[in-house]
Amino acid sequence: MVIMEVSLMSGFILAPRSRMLLERRIIIKKIEVKADVVYIYLEKLNDESQTFILQLEQVIQMKNLKPAIIKIYDYYQPGGLQIPSYTLAGS
């Protein structure tokens, strides 16, 4: 199992409709939302390209937004998977 950990930018939440759409995907086993982080549990990764679209809602107006970080790692060996982290900038 693989976890995709998406840190949300301050003032944003995962839109409920976005969660419903993600949960319909066969590769996704479970989604957890804790405070400002979304954890997406994937059945597995392979060499096939995957695209995930998360729709966010801004609930608090913030200035000087810091980039969000996405980490991907193996559930059973968090330090073993060599996939780089990604940073998303606010618009």
N, C-alpha and C. Protein backbone atom coordinates (compact mmCIF):
# COMPACT_ATOMS: atom_id res chain seq x y z
N MET A 1 0.85 -1.17 0.00
CA MET A 1 0.00 0.00 0.00
C MET A 1 0.89 1.24 0.00
N VAL A 2 0.45 2.28 -0.67
CA VAL A 2 1.20 3.52 -0.81
C VAL A 2 0.34 4.66 -0.25
N ILE A 3 0.98 5.61 0.42
CA ILE A 3 0.27 6.77 0.94
C ILE A 3 0.73 8.01 0.20
N MET A 4 -0.24 8.80 -0.23
CA MET A 4 0.04 10.12 -0.79
C MET A 4 -0.43 11.11 0.28
N GLU A 5 0.51 11.86 0.82
CA GLU A 5 0.23 12.82 1.90
C GLU A 5 0.25 14.22 1.31
N VAL A 6 -0.90 14.89 1.32
CA VAL A 6 -1.04 16.21 0.73
C VAL A 6 -1.27 17.23 1.84
N SER A 7 -0.29 18.08 2.07
CA SER A 7 -0.43 19.16 3.06
C SER A 7 -1.17 20.31 2.40
N LEU A 8 -2.28 20.70 2.99
CA LEU A 8 -3.07 21.78 2.41
C LEU A 8 -2.51 23.14 2.81
N MET A 9 -2.68 24.12 1.94
CA MET A 9 -2.26 25.47 2.26
C MET A 9 -3.18 26.04 3.33
N SER A 10 -2.67 26.93 4.13
CA SER A 10 -3.45 27.54 5.21
C SER A 10 -4.71 28.19 4.66
N GLY A 11 -5.83 27.95 5.35
CA GLY A 11 -7.09 28.55 4.95
C GLY A 11 -7.89 27.73 3.96
N PHE A 12 -7.39 26.57 3.55
CA PHE A 12 -8.07 25.73 2.57
C PHE A 12 -8.49 24.40 3.18
N ILE A 13 -9.60 23.84 2.65
CA ILE A 13 -10.05 22.51 3.02
C ILE A 13 -10.32 21.73 1.74
N LEU A 14 -10.36 20.41 1.85
CA LEU A 14 -10.71 19.56 0.72
C LEU A 14 -12.21 19.68 0.50
N ALA A 15 -12.62 20.01 -0.71
CA ALA A 15 -14.04 20.13 -1.04
C ALA A 15 -14.71 18.76 -0.91
N PRO A 16 -15.88 18.68 -0.29
CA PRO A 16 -16.56 17.39 -0.12
C PRO A 16 -16.78 16.65 -1.44
N ARG A 17 -17.11 17.38 -2.50
CA ARG A 17 -17.32 16.73 -3.80
C ARG A 17 -16.03 16.12 -4.32
N SER A 18 -14.92 16.76 -4.07
CA SER A 18 -13.62 16.24 -4.50
C SER A 18 -13.34 14.90 -3.83
N ARG A 19 -13.64 14.82 -2.54
CA ARG A 19 -13.43 13.56 -1.81
C ARG A 19 -14.28 12.45 -2.41
N MET A 20 -15.54 12.75 -2.71
CA MET A 20 -16.43 11.74 -3.29
C MET A 20 -15.90 11.24 -4.63
N LEU A 21 -15.41 12.16 -5.46
CA LEU A 21 -14.88 11.76 -6.77
C LEU A 21 -13.63 10.91 -6.64
N LEU A 22 -12.76 11.26 -5.69
CA LEU A 22 -11.55 10.48 -5.48
C LEU A 22 -11.87 9.07 -4.99
N GLU A 23 -12.85 8.95 -4.09
CA GLU A 23 -13.19 7.65 -3.51
C GLU A 23 -13.74 6.68 -4.54
N ARG A 24 -14.20 7.17 -5.67
CA ARG A 24 -14.72 6.30 -6.74
C ARG A 24 -13.62 5.60 -7.53
N ARG A 25 -12.41 6.09 -7.41
CA ARG A 25 -11.30 5.51 -8.18
C ARG A 25 -10.90 4.17 -7.59
N ILE A 26 -10.74 3.18 -8.42
CA ILE A 26 -10.45 1.82 -7.98
C ILE A 26 -9.12 1.73 -7.24
N ILE A 27 -8.13 2.48 -7.65
CA ILE A 27 -6.79 2.42 -7.05
C ILE A 27 -6.78 2.96 -5.61
N ILE A 28 -7.77 3.79 -5.26
CA ILE A 28 -7.79 4.42 -3.93
C ILE A 28 -8.56 3.53 -2.95
N LYS A 29 -7.88 3.15 -1.86
CA LYS A 29 -8.50 2.32 -0.84
C LYS A 29 -9.24 3.16 0.20
N LYS A 30 -8.64 4.29 0.58
CA LYS A 30 -9.20 5.08 1.68
C LYS A 30 -8.67 6.50 1.60
N ILE A 31 -9.46 7.46 2.13
CA ILE A 31 -9.02 8.85 2.24
C ILE A 31 -9.27 9.30 3.66
N GLU A 32 -8.26 9.90 4.27
CA GLU A 32 -8.40 10.48 5.60
C GLU A 32 -8.06 11.96 5.52
N VAL A 33 -8.86 12.77 6.21
CA VAL A 33 -8.57 14.20 6.29
C VAL A 33 -8.36 14.53 7.75
N LYS A 34 -7.15 15.02 8.07
CA LYS A 34 -6.82 15.40 9.44
C LYS A 34 -6.27 16.81 9.42
N ALA A 35 -6.99 17.72 10.06
CA ALA A 35 -6.59 19.13 10.15
C ALA A 35 -6.24 19.67 8.77
N ASP A 36 -4.97 19.89 8.49
CA ASP A 36 -4.57 20.48 7.22
C ASP A 36 -3.82 19.51 6.32
N VAL A 37 -4.07 18.20 6.50
CA VAL A 37 -3.41 17.18 5.68
C VAL A 37 -4.44 16.18 5.17
N VAL A 38 -4.32 15.82 3.89
CA VAL A 38 -5.17 14.79 3.29
C VAL A 38 -4.28 13.58 3.02
N TYR A 39 -4.68 12.42 3.54
CA TYR A 39 -3.95 11.17 3.32
C TYR A 39 -4.77 10.33 2.35
N ILE A 40 -4.16 9.99 1.23
CA ILE A 40 -4.82 9.16 0.22
C ILE A 40 -4.07 7.82 0.18
N TYR A 41 -4.77 6.76 0.54
CA TYR A 41 -4.18 5.42 0.58
C TYR A 41 -4.44 4.74 -0.77
N LEU A 42 -3.35 4.38 -1.44
CA LEU A 42 -3.44 3.76 -2.75
C LEU A 42 -3.14 2.27 -2.65
N GLU A 43 -3.84 1.48 -3.44
CA GLU A 43 -3.63 0.03 -3.46
C GLU A 43 -2.18 -0.29 -3.80
N LYS A 44 -1.67 0.35 -4.84
CA LYS A 44 -0.29 0.13 -5.28
C LYS A 44 0.08 1.18 -6.31
N LEU A 45 1.35 1.25 -6.61
CA LEU A 45 1.85 2.09 -7.70
C LEU A 45 2.49 1.18 -8.73
N ASN A 46 2.39 1.58 -9.98
CA ASN A 46 3.10 0.87 -11.04
C ASN A 46 3.64 1.91 -12.01
N ASP A 47 4.08 1.50 -13.17
CA ASP A 47 4.67 2.45 -14.10
C ASP A 47 3.62 3.20 -14.93
N GLU A 48 2.34 2.95 -14.68
CA GLU A 48 1.27 3.64 -15.38
C GLU A 48 1.07 5.03 -14.75
N SER A 49 0.95 6.04 -15.59
CA SER A 49 0.75 7.40 -15.12
C SER A 49 -0.62 7.56 -14.46
N GLN A 50 -0.65 8.26 -13.33
CA GLN A 50 -1.89 8.53 -12.60
C GLN A 50 -2.02 10.03 -12.38
N THR A 51 -3.22 10.56 -12.50
CA THR A 51 -3.48 11.96 -12.23
C THR A 51 -4.54 12.05 -11.15
N PHE A 52 -4.27 12.86 -10.13
CA PHE A 52 -5.22 13.07 -9.04
C PHE A 52 -5.54 14.56 -8.98
N ILE A 53 -6.82 14.88 -9.01
CA ILE A 53 -7.24 16.27 -8.94
C ILE A 53 -7.98 16.46 -7.62
N LEU A 54 -7.45 17.35 -6.80
CA LEU A 54 -8.08 17.68 -5.52
C LEU A 54 -8.64 19.08 -5.63
N GLN A 55 -9.93 19.20 -5.43
CA GLN A 55 -10.57 20.51 -5.43
C GLN A 55 -10.59 21.01 -4.00
N LEU A 56 -10.12 22.22 -3.81
CA LEU A 56 -10.05 22.81 -2.48
C LEU A 56 -11.01 23.99 -2.38
N GLU A 57 -11.46 24.25 -1.17
CA GLU A 57 -12.28 25.42 -0.90
C GLU A 57 -11.53 26.31 0.06
N GLN A 58 -11.50 27.59 -0.26
CA GLN A 58 -10.85 28.54 0.63
C GLN A 58 -11.88 28.99 1.66
N VAL A 59 -11.60 28.71 2.94
CA VAL A 59 -12.54 29.06 4.01
C VAL A 59 -12.07 30.27 4.81
N ILE A 60 -10.79 30.59 4.72
CA ILE A 60 -10.23 31.75 5.40
C ILE A 60 -9.27 32.44 4.44
N GLN A 61 -9.42 33.73 4.28
CA GLN A 61 -8.51 34.50 3.42
C GLN A 61 -7.16 34.64 4.12
N MET A 62 -6.11 34.21 3.47
CA MET A 62 -4.77 34.26 4.05
C MET A 62 -3.84 35.05 3.14
N LYS A 63 -2.86 35.71 3.75
CA LYS A 63 -1.82 36.40 2.99
C LYS A 63 -0.54 35.58 3.08
N ASN A 64 0.33 35.78 2.12
CA ASN A 64 1.64 35.13 2.09
C ASN A 64 1.53 33.61 2.24
N LEU A 65 0.71 33.01 1.39
CA LEU A 65 0.56 31.55 1.44
C LEU A 65 1.89 30.86 1.20
N LYS A 66 2.15 29.86 1.99
CA LYS A 66 3.34 29.03 1.82
C LYS A 66 2.98 27.85 0.92
N PRO A 67 3.95 27.34 0.18
CA PRO A 67 3.67 26.21 -0.71
C PRO A 67 3.21 24.98 0.06
N ALA A 68 2.34 24.21 -0.57
CA ALA A 68 1.90 22.93 -0.01
C ALA A 68 2.87 21.85 -0.46
N ILE A 69 2.98 20.81 0.32
CA ILE A 69 3.91 19.72 0.01
C ILE A 69 3.16 18.42 -0.16
N ILE A 70 3.54 17.64 -1.17
CA ILE A 70 2.97 16.32 -1.40
C ILE A 70 4.08 15.30 -1.23
N LYS A 71 3.85 14.31 -0.35
CA LYS A 71 4.81 13.24 -0.14
C LYS A 71 4.15 11.92 -0.52
N ILE A 72 4.93 11.02 -1.11
CA ILE A 72 4.44 9.70 -1.48
C ILE A 72 5.40 8.69 -0.87
N TYR A 73 4.83 7.74 -0.11
CA TYR A 73 5.68 6.75 0.53
C TYR A 73 4.95 5.44 0.75
N ASP A 74 5.73 4.39 0.97
CA ASP A 74 5.21 3.05 1.24
C ASP A 74 4.67 3.01 2.67
N TYR A 75 3.47 2.52 2.85
CA TYR A 75 2.83 2.45 4.16
C TYR A 75 3.65 1.61 5.14
N TYR A 76 4.21 0.52 4.65
CA TYR A 76 4.92 -0.41 5.52
C TYR A 76 6.39 -0.04 5.72
N GLN A 77 6.96 0.72 4.81
CA GLN A 77 8.36 1.16 4.91
C GLN A 77 8.44 2.63 4.49
N PRO A 78 8.03 3.54 5.38
CA PRO A 78 7.96 4.97 5.01
C PRO A 78 9.26 5.56 4.49
N GLY A 79 10.40 5.07 4.91
CA GLY A 79 11.66 5.63 4.46
C GLY A 79 12.23 4.96 3.23
N GLY A 80 11.59 3.90 2.74
CA GLY A 80 12.17 3.10 1.68
C GLY A 80 11.80 3.49 0.26
N LEU A 81 10.69 4.15 0.04
CA LEU A 81 10.24 4.48 -1.31
C LEU A 81 10.94 5.74 -1.80
N GLN A 82 11.58 5.68 -2.94
CA GLN A 82 12.36 6.80 -3.46
C GLN A 82 11.57 7.62 -4.46
N ILE A 83 10.53 8.28 -3.99
CA ILE A 83 9.73 9.17 -4.84
C ILE A 83 9.89 10.57 -4.26
N PRO A 84 10.24 11.53 -5.10
CA PRO A 84 10.47 12.89 -4.56
C PRO A 84 9.19 13.54 -4.05
N SER A 85 9.35 14.49 -3.16
CA SER A 85 8.23 15.30 -2.69
C SER A 85 7.99 16.41 -3.70
N TYR A 86 6.77 16.87 -3.79
CA TYR A 86 6.39 17.92 -4.71
C TYR A 86 5.87 19.11 -3.92
N THR A 87 6.06 20.29 -4.45
CA THR A 87 5.59 21.50 -3.79
C THR A 87 4.61 22.21 -4.71
N LEU A 88 3.47 22.62 -4.15
CA LEU A 88 2.47 23.36 -4.91
C LEU A 88 2.41 24.77 -4.37
N ALA A 89 2.49 25.73 -5.24
CA ALA A 89 2.43 27.13 -4.82
C ALA A 89 1.00 27.63 -4.89
N GLY A 90 0.65 28.57 -4.03
CA GLY A 90 -0.68 29.17 -4.06
C GLY A 90 -0.81 30.11 -5.24
N SER A 91 -2.04 30.28 -5.70
CA SER A 91 -2.23 31.19 -6.84
C SER A 91 -2.83 32.49 -6.37
